[in-house]
Every structure is written in C-alpha cells, then in structure tokens.
Amino acid sequence: MMSKFTWTAYIPAFIAIGISAATAFCIVVCFDPAVYSMLVIFIPVIVFAILVLLWLIYGEMRNKIIRVTLEYDYLIIKRYYGLGAPETIYYANIDGFTISILPATNTAYEYLYLMKNGKKIGKLSEFYHKNYSDLKSELRTHIKDLGIIDYNSWQEVKDIFG
C-alpha cells in the first residue's frame, strides 16, 4: 500500500516557490544604490523569509510530506513529496507508533509518528495523506500501537532540526 497526498500537501511547495522568488527579488534589490536606505527593512524581511523556507523545507517537506510504501515485512519512506532517497525500514526494527492530535480551527488533525529507537522516523497525517486511515490500519497489523501522546509545538520545532 502506498500513501497518497491530499491537495493540501501541495500548499507548502507553492508557498516555498513564492517565498523563494520574493526573497531572490529582495536580495537583488538590496544591491541597488537607490534603496540603501531601505536595507533596514529588507534585511529583516530576507532573514524572516529564509527562516520560513527552512521550516517549510526541513519541517514540512522532509518530515511530514513523505511518501510511505507498506510492504509485507518492511516499509519504505521517501521524503520531500516522495522525491527523496528511499529509506527501507523493517517492521521488526520499529518500536511502534504514537498518535497525536493537532488542534486546528474548527477541527483537529491526527498525526501518526513512526518510532525507532525512541526517535520519530516518519510522520503520517490526516492533513497531508489522503489514505491516512488505511495506512494506520495496515500499520496496526505490523507494528505496536504505543498510544496517544499530547501534541507539543516545541517538540515539533525540535524535530525540524533533529
């Protein structure tokens, strides 16, 4: 079984493209002598844009927008919309998975964290994966359900760099 993306999974890619183009434009404009007085504004905007790009690329695309293929005795994780290098992990080497509920406006999204040696190695979500329920049911037959954990925004930020 292979994961399928929802249309919302493509939003971060479009935002990243837009921010990259705007950042490149701001950097080019900074070299124009006519706008030297505006550098006080452009520099913080560029730094903020770069931080947002890091979050989108390393936090969302690398960790959450992943393609997962479930096989008989192993799974394959491909990061960055399935364009990254495949990582094969045998079910026997996985500790299990935990579930977390991410509250959102008027709804909540469930996240499933694949755990190996106490670390999160992959994240599946209702928000990014169209067949999330089927993937979760299939994973339950192969690996241990470690229960529900509280959603922690600070831990999500730490996972970006971990």
Protein backbone atom coordinates (compact mmCIF):
# COMPACT_ATOMS: atom_id res chain seq x y z
CA MET A 1 0.00 0.00 0.00
CA MET A 2 1.32 3.44 -0.94
CA SER A 3 0.42 6.74 0.67
CA LYS A 4 -1.47 9.31 -1.37
CA PHE A 5 -1.32 13.06 -0.85
CA THR A 6 -4.27 15.36 -0.29
CA TRP A 7 -4.42 18.61 -2.25
CA THR A 8 -3.34 20.44 0.91
CA ALA A 9 0.03 18.68 0.78
CA TYR A 10 0.99 20.81 -2.22
CA ILE A 11 0.35 24.16 -0.49
CA PRO A 12 3.80 24.26 1.21
CA ALA A 13 5.52 23.72 -2.16
CA PHE A 14 3.69 26.66 -3.74
CA ILE A 15 4.39 28.85 -0.72
CA ALA A 16 8.09 27.87 -0.81
CA ILE A 17 8.31 28.75 -4.51
CA GLY A 18 6.65 32.12 -3.90
CA ILE A 19 8.85 32.97 -0.91
CA SER A 20 11.99 31.89 -2.80
CA ALA A 21 11.13 34.16 -5.72
CA ALA A 22 10.30 37.09 -3.43
CA THR A 23 13.50 36.56 -1.41
CA ALA A 24 15.63 36.43 -4.56
CA PHE A 25 13.98 39.66 -5.72
CA CYS A 26 14.64 41.36 -2.35
CA ILE A 27 18.29 40.27 -2.42
CA VAL A 28 18.75 41.67 -5.94
CA VAL A 29 17.05 44.93 -4.96
CA CYS A 30 19.38 45.27 -1.96
CA PHE A 31 22.31 45.80 -4.35
CA ASP A 32 20.66 48.83 -5.94
CA PRO A 33 22.24 52.02 -4.51
CA ALA A 34 18.88 53.79 -4.68
CA VAL A 35 17.45 51.56 -1.93
CA TYR A 36 20.34 51.56 0.54
CA SER A 37 18.17 53.50 2.97
CA MET A 38 15.62 50.65 2.84
CA LEU A 39 18.13 47.97 3.92
CA VAL A 40 16.83 48.33 7.48
CA ILE A 41 13.55 46.89 6.19
CA PHE A 42 14.87 44.47 3.55
CA ILE A 43 17.40 42.63 5.75
CA PRO A 44 14.87 41.52 8.44
CA VAL A 45 12.37 40.57 5.72
CA ILE A 46 15.00 38.42 3.98
CA VAL A 47 16.05 36.76 7.26
CA PHE A 48 12.41 36.02 8.14
CA ALA A 49 11.78 34.61 4.64
CA ILE A 50 14.80 32.32 4.94
CA LEU A 51 13.60 31.05 8.33
CA VAL A 52 10.15 30.33 6.89
CA LEU A 53 11.77 28.47 3.96
CA LEU A 54 13.83 26.37 6.40
CA TRP A 55 10.66 25.48 8.31
CA LEU A 56 8.79 24.56 5.11
CA ILE A 57 11.62 22.51 3.62
CA TYR A 58 13.02 20.80 6.70
CA GLY A 59 9.92 20.72 8.87
CA GLU A 60 7.07 20.09 6.50
CA MET A 61 8.53 18.61 3.30
CA ARG A 62 11.26 16.49 4.91
CA ASN A 63 9.35 15.22 7.95
CA LYS A 64 5.63 15.33 7.19
CA ILE A 65 5.06 15.33 3.45
CA ILE A 66 6.55 11.89 2.92
CA ARG A 67 5.58 9.03 0.67
CA VAL A 68 5.30 5.75 2.55
CA THR A 69 5.01 2.36 0.91
CA LEU A 70 3.93 -0.51 3.15
CA GLU A 71 5.16 -3.95 2.11
CA TYR A 72 4.87 -7.41 3.66
CA ASP A 73 7.69 -7.12 6.23
CA TYR A 74 9.07 -3.62 5.71
CA LEU A 75 8.14 -0.08 4.76
CA ILE A 76 9.82 2.45 2.51
CA ILE A 77 9.93 6.15 3.37
CA LYS A 78 10.71 8.73 0.71
CA ARG A 79 10.92 12.29 1.95
CA TYR A 80 10.24 15.54 0.05
CA TYR A 81 6.98 14.50 -1.67
CA GLY A 82 8.46 11.11 -2.48
CA LEU A 83 11.37 12.64 -4.41
CA GLY A 84 13.98 11.89 -1.74
CA ALA A 85 16.14 8.80 -1.45
CA PRO A 86 14.21 5.71 -0.34
CA GLU A 87 14.78 4.53 3.22
CA THR A 88 13.83 0.89 3.85
CA ILE A 89 12.90 0.00 7.42
CA TYR A 90 11.85 -3.46 8.55
CA TYR A 91 8.85 -3.64 10.86
CA ALA A 92 10.92 -5.70 13.31
CA ASN A 93 13.25 -2.69 13.76
CA ILE A 94 10.42 -0.25 14.55
CA ASP A 95 9.41 0.29 18.19
CA GLY A 96 5.85 1.16 17.17
CA PHE A 97 3.85 4.29 16.54
CA THR A 98 2.26 7.01 18.61
CA ILE A 99 -0.74 9.18 17.79
CA SER A 100 -1.07 12.89 18.47
CA ILE A 101 -3.98 15.25 17.84
CA LEU A 102 -3.12 18.64 16.35
CA PRO A 103 -5.87 21.15 17.15
CA ALA A 104 -6.84 23.46 14.28
CA THR A 105 -9.58 26.00 13.67
CA ASN A 106 -12.95 24.21 13.83
CA THR A 107 -11.30 20.77 13.55
CA ALA A 108 -8.35 18.63 14.64
CA TYR A 109 -5.90 16.54 12.65
CA GLU A 110 -4.42 13.25 13.74
CA TYR A 111 -0.69 12.63 13.32
CA LEU A 112 0.96 9.21 13.47
CA TYR A 113 4.64 9.15 14.45
CA LEU A 114 6.69 6.09 13.50
CA MET A 115 9.17 5.43 16.31
CA LYS A 116 12.54 3.69 16.07
CA ASN A 117 14.99 3.63 18.99
CA GLY A 118 12.87 6.27 20.74
CA LYS A 119 13.07 8.73 17.82
CA LYS A 120 10.47 9.80 15.27
CA ILE A 121 11.47 8.46 11.86
CA GLY A 122 8.34 9.39 9.94
CA LYS A 123 5.09 11.26 10.35
CA LEU A 124 1.80 10.50 8.68
CA SER A 125 -1.15 12.84 8.98
CA GLU A 126 -4.77 13.25 8.06
CA PHE A 127 -3.88 16.70 6.74
CA TYR A 128 -1.29 15.57 4.17
CA HIS A 129 -2.23 11.93 3.46
CA LYS A 130 -5.50 11.12 1.70
CA ASN A 131 -5.47 7.45 2.73
CA TYR A 132 -4.27 8.06 6.29
CA SER A 133 -6.89 5.78 7.89
CA ASP A 134 -5.97 2.86 5.61
CA LEU A 135 -2.26 3.36 6.30
CA LYS A 136 -2.88 3.46 10.05
CA SER A 137 -4.98 0.28 9.92
CA GLU A 138 -2.30 -1.52 7.91
CA LEU A 139 0.47 -0.35 10.26
CA ARG A 140 -1.52 -1.66 13.25
CA THR A 141 -1.22 -5.17 11.80
CA HIS A 142 2.59 -4.91 11.63
CA ILE A 143 3.80 -2.73 14.48
CA LYS A 144 2.78 -1.88 18.03
CA ASP A 145 0.43 0.99 18.82
CA LEU A 146 2.24 2.90 21.60
CA GLY A 147 -0.80 5.04 22.39
CA ILE A 148 -1.71 8.69 22.28
CA ILE A 149 0.70 11.46 23.24
CA ASP A 150 -0.06 15.14 23.78
CA TYR A 151 0.73 17.44 20.87
CA ASN A 152 3.75 19.58 21.69
CA SER A 153 4.61 22.54 19.44
CA TRP A 154 8.07 22.89 20.94
CA GLN A 155 8.83 19.22 20.20
CA GLU A 156 7.71 19.77 16.59
CA VAL A 157 10.21 22.63 16.28
CA LYS A 158 12.96 20.44 17.77
CA ASP A 159 12.08 17.66 15.29
CA ILE A 160 12.83 20.00 12.38
CA PHE A 161 16.50 20.09 13.37
CA GLY A 162 16.73 16.58 14.79
